[in-house]
């Protein structure tokens, strides 16, 4: 795990891959809970039998937003940003979904530091996030997430 203690340490990684998370399996229970939380019960996510018989993937698939919602969890496996008063998920930019994540697929987040700016004491970073699907040639998505950090 990468440990970052201040702006200068963060800045030293500009343009570099920061690391990868552990593999995470997205199972039907997680998909169903996300459907309940978001009120998105479309059958392609929640009805395994119908998805098997009628769906283009022959299995249920994770909601795209479920895969995006994993970013904070998986990011914490890559970097430990210390000495901060506050961390804010500031934005999501230029995301494209490349491939569906099927039920029981394993996914892993790859992170690269694309931009870092000191905004009068607040550090703004843009991380290129790529969600890799195990044994698949294309990622689930690629895009930028923006975090703000207020270092002590």
C-alpha atoms as a PDB file:
ATOM      1  CA  UNK A   1       0.000   0.000   0.000  1.00  0.00           C
ATOM      2  CA  UNK A   2       1.177   3.465  -0.890  1.00  0.00           C
ATOM      3  CA  UNK A   3       1.469   5.839   2.096  1.00  0.00           C
ATOM      4  CA  UNK A   4       1.147   9.562   1.383  1.00  0.00           C
ATOM      5  CA  UNK A   5       1.820  12.009   4.207  1.00  0.00           C
ATOM      6  CA  UNK A   6       1.679  15.426   2.497  1.00  0.00           C
ATOM      7  CA  UNK A   7       1.286  17.363  -0.745  1.00  0.00           C
ATOM      8  CA  UNK A   8       4.925  16.959  -1.776  1.00  0.00           C
ATOM      9  CA  UNK A   9       4.810  13.173  -1.393  1.00  0.00           C
ATOM     10  CA  UNK A  10       1.590  13.038  -3.379  1.00  0.00           C
ATOM     11  CA  UNK A  11       3.053  15.269  -6.092  1.00  0.00           C
ATOM     12  CA  UNK A  12       6.076  12.962  -6.498  1.00  0.00           C
ATOM     13  CA  UNK A  13       3.724  10.343  -7.994  1.00  0.00           C
ATOM     14  CA  UNK A  14       2.363  12.593 -10.754  1.00  0.00           C
ATOM     15  CA  UNK A  15       1.915  10.629 -13.981  1.00  0.00           C
ATOM     16  CA  UNK A  16       2.594   7.304 -12.277  1.00  0.00           C
ATOM     17  CA  UNK A  17       0.473   4.295 -11.484  1.00  0.00           C
ATOM     18  CA  UNK A  18      -0.267   4.399  -7.766  1.00  0.00           C
ATOM     19  CA  UNK A  19      -1.179   0.742  -7.419  1.00  0.00           C
ATOM     20  CA  UNK A  20      -3.932  -1.821  -7.644  1.00  0.00           C
ATOM     21  CA  UNK A  21      -6.522  -3.032  -5.159  1.00  0.00           C
ATOM     22  CA  UNK A  22      -7.262  -6.572  -4.104  1.00  0.00           C
ATOM     23  CA  UNK A  23      -9.730  -8.540  -6.215  1.00  0.00           C
ATOM     24  CA  UNK A  24     -13.369  -8.091  -5.196  1.00  0.00           C
ATOM     25  CA  UNK A  25     -16.143 -10.491  -6.199  1.00  0.00           C
ATOM     26  CA  UNK A  26     -19.487  -8.905  -7.048  1.00  0.00           C
ATOM     27  CA  UNK A  27     -22.074 -11.516  -6.093  1.00  0.00           C
ATOM     28  CA  UNK A  28     -25.843 -11.587  -6.511  1.00  0.00           C
ATOM     29  CA  UNK A  29     -26.413 -10.555  -2.898  1.00  0.00           C
ATOM     30  CA  UNK A  30     -24.426  -7.348  -3.409  1.00  0.00           C
ATOM     31  CA  UNK A  31     -26.275  -6.645  -6.673  1.00  0.00           C
ATOM     32  CA  UNK A  32     -29.653  -7.173  -4.952  1.00  0.00           C
ATOM     33  CA  UNK A  33     -28.726  -4.910  -2.046  1.00  0.00           C
ATOM     34  CA  UNK A  34     -27.664  -2.199  -4.461  1.00  0.00           C
ATOM     35  CA  UNK A  35     -30.945  -2.615  -6.342  1.00  0.00           C
ATOM     36  CA  UNK A  36     -32.815  -2.159  -3.062  1.00  0.00           C
ATOM     37  CA  UNK A  37     -30.766   0.912  -2.123  1.00  0.00           C
ATOM     38  CA  UNK A  38     -31.228   2.598  -5.503  1.00  0.00           C
ATOM     39  CA  UNK A  39     -34.717   1.297  -6.349  1.00  0.00           C
ATOM     40  CA  UNK A  40     -33.300  -0.050  -9.627  1.00  0.00           C
ATOM     41  CA  UNK A  41     -34.718  -3.574  -9.849  1.00  0.00           C
ATOM     42  CA  UNK A  42     -34.354  -4.047 -13.591  1.00  0.00           C
ATOM     43  CA  UNK A  43     -34.476  -7.785 -14.315  1.00  0.00           C
ATOM     44  CA  UNK A  44     -31.066  -7.847 -15.984  1.00  0.00           C
ATOM     45  CA  UNK A  45     -29.635  -7.158 -12.515  1.00  0.00           C
ATOM     46  CA  UNK A  46     -31.996  -9.012 -10.188  1.00  0.00           C
ATOM     47  CA  UNK A  47     -33.604 -11.965 -11.991  1.00  0.00           C
ATOM     48  CA  UNK A  48     -30.968 -14.668 -12.611  1.00  0.00           C
ATOM     49  CA  UNK A  49     -33.373 -17.038 -14.396  1.00  0.00           C
ATOM     50  CA  UNK A  50     -34.695 -14.430 -16.798  1.00  0.00           C
ATOM     51  CA  UNK A  51     -31.207 -13.053 -17.404  1.00  0.00           C
ATOM     52  CA  UNK A  52     -29.982 -16.567 -18.208  1.00  0.00           C
ATOM     53  CA  UNK A  53     -32.801 -17.213 -20.671  1.00  0.00           C
ATOM     54  CA  UNK A  54     -33.430 -13.774 -22.192  1.00  0.00           C
ATOM     55  CA  UNK A  55     -30.437 -11.581 -21.458  1.00  0.00           C
ATOM     56  CA  UNK A  56     -27.552 -10.846 -23.797  1.00  0.00           C
ATOM     57  CA  UNK A  57     -24.988 -11.907 -21.155  1.00  0.00           C
ATOM     58  CA  UNK A  58     -26.743 -15.145 -20.056  1.00  0.00           C
ATOM     59  CA  UNK A  59     -26.323 -14.006 -16.434  1.00  0.00           C
ATOM     60  CA  UNK A  60     -27.230 -11.036 -14.285  1.00  0.00           C
ATOM     61  CA  UNK A  61     -24.931  -8.045 -14.427  1.00  0.00           C
ATOM     62  CA  UNK A  62     -23.874  -5.500 -11.828  1.00  0.00           C
ATOM     63  CA  UNK A  63     -25.335  -2.016 -12.086  1.00  0.00           C
ATOM     64  CA  UNK A  64     -22.838   0.381 -13.622  1.00  0.00           C
ATOM     65  CA  UNK A  65     -23.275   2.672 -10.648  1.00  0.00           C
ATOM     66  CA  UNK A  66     -22.598  -0.224  -8.278  1.00  0.00           C
ATOM     67  CA  UNK A  67     -19.189  -0.653  -9.888  1.00  0.00           C
ATOM     68  CA  UNK A  68     -18.557   3.087  -9.581  1.00  0.00           C
ATOM     69  CA  UNK A  69     -19.609   3.038  -5.932  1.00  0.00           C
ATOM     70  CA  UNK A  70     -16.769   0.595  -5.208  1.00  0.00           C
ATOM     71  CA  UNK A  71     -14.141   3.251  -5.943  1.00  0.00           C
ATOM     72  CA  UNK A  72     -13.789   4.595  -2.355  1.00  0.00           C
ATOM     73  CA  UNK A  73     -13.591   1.052  -0.918  1.00  0.00           C
ATOM     74  CA  UNK A  74     -11.037  -0.151  -3.465  1.00  0.00           C
ATOM     75  CA  UNK A  75      -9.069   3.140  -3.377  1.00  0.00           C
ATOM     76  CA  UNK A  76      -8.478   2.667   0.369  1.00  0.00           C
ATOM     77  CA  UNK A  77      -6.679  -0.594  -0.500  1.00  0.00           C
ATOM     78  CA  UNK A  78      -4.289   1.271  -2.795  1.00  0.00           C
ATOM     79  CA  UNK A  79      -3.367   4.429  -0.892  1.00  0.00           C
ATOM     80  CA  UNK A  80      -3.292   5.496   2.728  1.00  0.00           C
ATOM     81  CA  UNK A  81      -3.419   9.290   2.689  1.00  0.00           C
ATOM     82  CA  UNK A  82      -2.406  10.452   6.155  1.00  0.00           C
ATOM     83  CA  UNK A  83      -2.225  13.713   8.058  1.00  0.00           C
ATOM     84  CA  UNK A  84      -5.483  15.053   6.703  1.00  0.00           C
ATOM     85  CA  UNK A  85      -8.290  16.944   8.389  1.00  0.00           C
ATOM     86  CA  UNK A  86     -10.744  16.063   5.648  1.00  0.00           C
ATOM     87  CA  UNK A  87     -11.080  14.082   2.427  1.00  0.00           C
ATOM     88  CA  UNK A  88     -13.867  14.829  -0.038  1.00  0.00           C
ATOM     89  CA  UNK A  89     -15.064  12.894  -3.080  1.00  0.00           C
ATOM     90  CA  UNK A  90     -15.222  15.971  -5.305  1.00  0.00           C
ATOM     91  CA  UNK A  91     -16.223  14.651  -8.684  1.00  0.00           C
ATOM     92  CA  UNK A  92     -16.312  12.078 -11.437  1.00  0.00           C
ATOM     93  CA  UNK A  93     -15.197  13.012 -14.939  1.00  0.00           C
ATOM     94  CA  UNK A  94     -15.109  11.381 -18.366  1.00  0.00           C
ATOM     95  CA  UNK A  95     -16.181   7.883 -17.350  1.00  0.00           C
ATOM     96  CA  UNK A  96     -16.894   5.307 -20.014  1.00  0.00           C
ATOM     97  CA  UNK A  97     -18.205   1.828 -19.413  1.00  0.00           C
ATOM     98  CA  UNK A  98     -16.352  -0.657 -21.600  1.00  0.00           C
ATOM     99  CA  UNK A  99     -17.762  -3.986 -20.564  1.00  0.00           C
ATOM    100  CA  UNK A 100     -20.503  -5.345 -18.304  1.00  0.00           C
ATOM    101  CA  UNK A 101     -19.545  -6.928 -14.992  1.00  0.00           C
ATOM    102  CA  UNK A 102     -21.323 -10.262 -14.725  1.00  0.00           C
ATOM    103  CA  UNK A 103     -22.455 -11.727 -11.418  1.00  0.00           C
ATOM    104  CA  UNK A 104     -19.519 -13.393  -9.602  1.00  0.00           C
ATOM    105  CA  UNK A 105     -16.916 -11.581 -11.701  1.00  0.00           C
ATOM    106  CA  UNK A 106     -13.859 -10.424  -9.799  1.00  0.00           C
ATOM    107  CA  UNK A 107     -12.861  -6.794 -10.251  1.00  0.00           C
ATOM    108  CA  UNK A 108      -9.776  -4.802  -9.312  1.00  0.00           C
ATOM    109  CA  UNK A 109      -9.133  -1.060  -9.321  1.00  0.00           C
ATOM    110  CA  UNK A 110      -5.996   0.357 -10.953  1.00  0.00           C
ATOM    111  CA  UNK A 111      -5.173   3.956 -10.074  1.00  0.00           C
ATOM    112  CA  UNK A 112      -2.892   6.506 -11.737  1.00  0.00           C
ATOM    113  CA  UNK A 113      -2.269  10.081 -10.591  1.00  0.00           C
ATOM    114  CA  UNK A 114      -3.095  12.307 -13.586  1.00  0.00           C
ATOM    115  CA  UNK A 115      -3.167  15.734 -11.946  1.00  0.00           C
ATOM    116  CA  UNK A 116      -2.425  17.382  -8.604  1.00  0.00           C
ATOM    117  CA  UNK A 117      -2.985  21.013  -7.664  1.00  0.00           C
ATOM    118  CA  UNK A 118      -2.513  23.008  -4.471  1.00  0.00           C
ATOM    119  CA  UNK A 119      -5.579  25.221  -4.083  1.00  0.00           C
ATOM    120  CA  UNK A 120      -4.421  27.521  -1.264  1.00  0.00           C
ATOM    121  CA  UNK A 121      -3.879  24.659   1.162  1.00  0.00           C
ATOM    122  CA  UNK A 122      -6.400  22.218  -0.274  1.00  0.00           C
ATOM    123  CA  UNK A 123      -4.930  19.474  -2.435  1.00  0.00           C
ATOM    124  CA  UNK A 124      -6.969  18.548  -5.499  1.00  0.00           C
ATOM    125  CA  UNK A 125      -6.037  15.284  -7.202  1.00  0.00           C
ATOM    126  CA  UNK A 126      -7.358  13.641 -10.325  1.00  0.00           C
ATOM    127  CA  UNK A 127      -6.984   9.877 -10.308  1.00  0.00           C
ATOM    128  CA  UNK A 128      -7.484   7.825 -13.449  1.00  0.00           C
ATOM    129  CA  UNK A 129      -9.548   4.867 -12.252  1.00  0.00           C
ATOM    130  CA  UNK A 130      -9.650   1.669 -14.299  1.00  0.00           C
ATOM    131  CA  UNK A 131     -11.823  -1.205 -13.127  1.00  0.00           C
ATOM    132  CA  UNK A 132     -10.275  -4.422 -14.431  1.00  0.00           C
ATOM    133  CA  UNK A 133     -12.391  -7.562 -14.767  1.00  0.00           C
ATOM    134  CA  UNK A 134     -10.403 -10.714 -14.062  1.00  0.00           C
ATOM    135  CA  UNK A 135      -9.629 -12.726 -17.226  1.00  0.00           C
ATOM    136  CA  UNK A 136     -11.285 -10.143 -19.496  1.00  0.00           C
ATOM    137  CA  UNK A 137      -9.425  -8.092 -22.131  1.00  0.00           C
ATOM    138  CA  UNK A 138     -11.464  -4.905 -21.647  1.00  0.00           C
ATOM    139  CA  UNK A 139     -11.999  -3.017 -18.385  1.00  0.00           C
ATOM    140  CA  UNK A 140     -15.443  -2.387 -16.924  1.00  0.00           C
ATOM    141  CA  UNK A 141     -14.673   1.340 -17.053  1.00  0.00           C
ATOM    142  CA  UNK A 142     -12.010   3.991 -17.283  1.00  0.00           C
ATOM    143  CA  UNK A 143     -12.421   7.525 -16.020  1.00  0.00           C
ATOM    144  CA  UNK A 144     -11.225  10.189 -13.632  1.00  0.00           C
ATOM    145  CA  UNK A 145     -12.202  10.676 -10.017  1.00  0.00           C
ATOM    146  CA  UNK A 146     -11.371  13.893  -8.199  1.00  0.00           C
ATOM    147  CA  UNK A 147     -10.550  14.026  -4.494  1.00  0.00           C
ATOM    148  CA  UNK A 148      -9.878  17.005  -2.261  1.00  0.00           C
ATOM    149  CA  UNK A 149      -7.567  16.660   0.743  1.00  0.00           C
ATOM    150  CA  UNK A 150      -6.958  19.135   3.511  1.00  0.00           C
ATOM    151  CA  UNK A 151      -3.568  18.169   4.935  1.00  0.00           C
ATOM    152  CA  UNK A 152      -2.770  19.123   8.521  1.00  0.00           C
END
